[in-house]
Amino acid sequence: MEKLLFDSHAHINEERFEGEKRAELCEQIRQSNLKYVMDIGFDLESSLQAVKDAAENDFCYAVVGVHPHDATA
């Protein structure tokens, strides 16, 4: 039976992974044993980036959200 590794909480969408750094990270993921990664959005900008990451990488799924500290009633 094949083992499936799924990172259920990652932040490929963080600003520190802009441009080439994000591309390098995604290539490292492709070369690893990870099959899938959930890219968790925590505000509007990071959620939009997570959706973009998921559209560009077949291993990536986006989660759109707002961290409770940033939410207003």
C-alpha atoms as a PDB file:
ATOM      1  CA  MET A   1       0.000   0.000   0.000  1.00  0.00           C
ATOM      2  CA  GLU A   2       1.344   3.412  -1.006  1.00  0.00           C
ATOM      3  CA  LYS A   3       1.648   5.998   1.748  1.00  0.00           C
ATOM      4  CA  LEU A   4       0.079   9.374   1.091  1.00  0.00           C
ATOM      5  CA  LEU A   5       1.585  12.481   2.665  1.00  0.00           C
ATOM      6  CA  PHE A   6      -0.746  15.494   2.802  1.00  0.00           C
ATOM      7  CA  ASP A   7       0.336  18.756   4.450  1.00  0.00           C
ATOM      8  CA  SER A   8      -2.978  20.018   5.791  1.00  0.00           C
ATOM      9  CA  HIS A   9      -1.750  23.463   6.873  1.00  0.00           C
ATOM     10  CA  ALA A  10       0.905  25.291   4.848  1.00  0.00           C
ATOM     11  CA  HIS A  11       1.514  28.917   3.911  1.00  0.00           C
ATOM     12  CA  ILE A  12       3.004  28.882   0.429  1.00  0.00           C
ATOM     13  CA  ASN A  13       1.101  32.159   0.093  1.00  0.00           C
ATOM     14  CA  GLU A  14       3.225  34.087   2.625  1.00  0.00           C
ATOM     15  CA  GLU A  15       5.017  37.225   1.423  1.00  0.00           C
ATOM     16  CA  ARG A  16       8.393  35.714   2.302  1.00  0.00           C
ATOM     17  CA  PHE A  17       7.894  33.309  -0.627  1.00  0.00           C
ATOM     18  CA  GLU A  18       7.468  36.011  -3.289  1.00  0.00           C
ATOM     19  CA  GLY A  19       8.446  35.334  -6.896  1.00  0.00           C
ATOM     20  CA  GLU A  20      11.355  32.982  -7.397  1.00  0.00           C
ATOM     21  CA  LYS A  21      11.310  31.851  -3.753  1.00  0.00           C
ATOM     22  CA  ARG A  22       7.736  30.580  -4.205  1.00  0.00           C
ATOM     23  CA  ALA A  23       8.722  28.804  -7.418  1.00  0.00           C
ATOM     24  CA  GLU A  24      11.676  27.171  -5.635  1.00  0.00           C
ATOM     25  CA  LEU A  25       9.444  26.097  -2.734  1.00  0.00           C
ATOM     26  CA  CYS A  26       6.898  24.583  -5.117  1.00  0.00           C
ATOM     27  CA  GLU A  27       9.657  22.693  -6.934  1.00  0.00           C
ATOM     28  CA  GLN A  28      10.937  21.348  -3.600  1.00  0.00           C
ATOM     29  CA  ILE A  29       7.410  20.169  -2.818  1.00  0.00           C
ATOM     30  CA  ARG A  30       7.169  18.461  -6.224  1.00  0.00           C
ATOM     31  CA  GLN A  31      10.462  16.665  -5.571  1.00  0.00           C
ATOM     32  CA  SER A  32       9.433  15.570  -2.070  1.00  0.00           C
ATOM     33  CA  ASN A  33       7.186  12.747  -0.881  1.00  0.00           C
ATOM     34  CA  LEU A  34       4.289  15.163  -0.359  1.00  0.00           C
ATOM     35  CA  LYS A  35       1.333  14.456  -2.619  1.00  0.00           C
ATOM     36  CA  TYR A  36      -0.900  17.367  -1.617  1.00  0.00           C
ATOM     37  CA  VAL A  37      -0.632  20.650   0.285  1.00  0.00           C
ATOM     38  CA  MET A  38      -3.378  22.909   1.641  1.00  0.00           C
ATOM     39  CA  ASP A  39      -2.354  26.552   1.244  1.00  0.00           C
ATOM     40  CA  ILE A  40      -4.220  28.351   4.032  1.00  0.00           C
ATOM     41  CA  GLY A  41      -5.396  31.921   3.478  1.00  0.00           C
ATOM     42  CA  PHE A  42      -5.557  34.102   6.587  1.00  0.00           C
ATOM     43  CA  ASP A  43      -6.633  37.448   5.075  1.00  0.00           C
ATOM     44  CA  LEU A  44      -7.855  38.671   1.680  1.00  0.00           C
ATOM     45  CA  GLU A  45      -4.393  38.977   0.128  1.00  0.00           C
ATOM     46  CA  SER A  46      -3.147  35.585   1.308  1.00  0.00           C
ATOM     47  CA  SER A  47      -6.426  33.943   0.293  1.00  0.00           C
ATOM     48  CA  LEU A  48      -6.137  35.352  -3.229  1.00  0.00           C
ATOM     49  CA  GLN A  49      -2.543  34.111  -3.394  1.00  0.00           C
ATOM     50  CA  ALA A  50      -3.618  30.660  -2.171  1.00  0.00           C
ATOM     51  CA  VAL A  51      -6.170  30.458  -4.990  1.00  0.00           C
ATOM     52  CA  LYS A  52      -3.466  31.464  -7.485  1.00  0.00           C
ATOM     53  CA  ASP A  53      -1.050  28.897  -6.027  1.00  0.00           C
ATOM     54  CA  ALA A  54      -3.678  26.172  -6.356  1.00  0.00           C
ATOM     55  CA  ALA A  55      -4.407  27.141  -9.960  1.00  0.00           C
ATOM     56  CA  GLU A  56      -0.707  26.917 -10.836  1.00  0.00           C
ATOM     57  CA  ASN A  57       0.223  23.736  -8.910  1.00  0.00           C
ATOM     58  CA  ASP A  58      -1.593  20.414  -9.174  1.00  0.00           C
ATOM     59  CA  PHE A  59      -0.497  19.390  -5.665  1.00  0.00           C
ATOM     60  CA  CYS A  60      -1.977  22.493  -4.041  1.00  0.00           C
ATOM     61  CA  TYR A  61      -5.459  23.173  -2.674  1.00  0.00           C
ATOM     62  CA  ALA A  62      -6.519  26.628  -1.479  1.00  0.00           C
ATOM     63  CA  VAL A  63      -8.318  27.448   1.740  1.00  0.00           C
ATOM     64  CA  VAL A  64      -9.841  30.927   1.802  1.00  0.00           C
ATOM     65  CA  GLY A  65     -10.308  32.585   5.164  1.00  0.00           C
ATOM     66  CA  VAL A  66      -9.766  35.445   7.553  1.00  0.00           C
ATOM     67  CA  HIS A  67      -7.920  34.960  10.828  1.00  0.00           C
ATOM     68  CA  PRO A  68     -10.183  35.770  13.811  1.00  0.00           C
ATOM     69  CA  HIS A  69      -7.794  38.528  14.929  1.00  0.00           C
ATOM     70  CA  ASP A  70      -8.452  40.308  11.635  1.00  0.00           C
ATOM     71  CA  ALA A  71     -12.206  39.761  11.510  1.00  0.00           C
ATOM     72  CA  THR A  72     -14.645  42.478  12.479  1.00  0.00           C
ATOM     73  CA  ALA A  73     -18.181  42.038  13.666  1.00  0.00           C
END
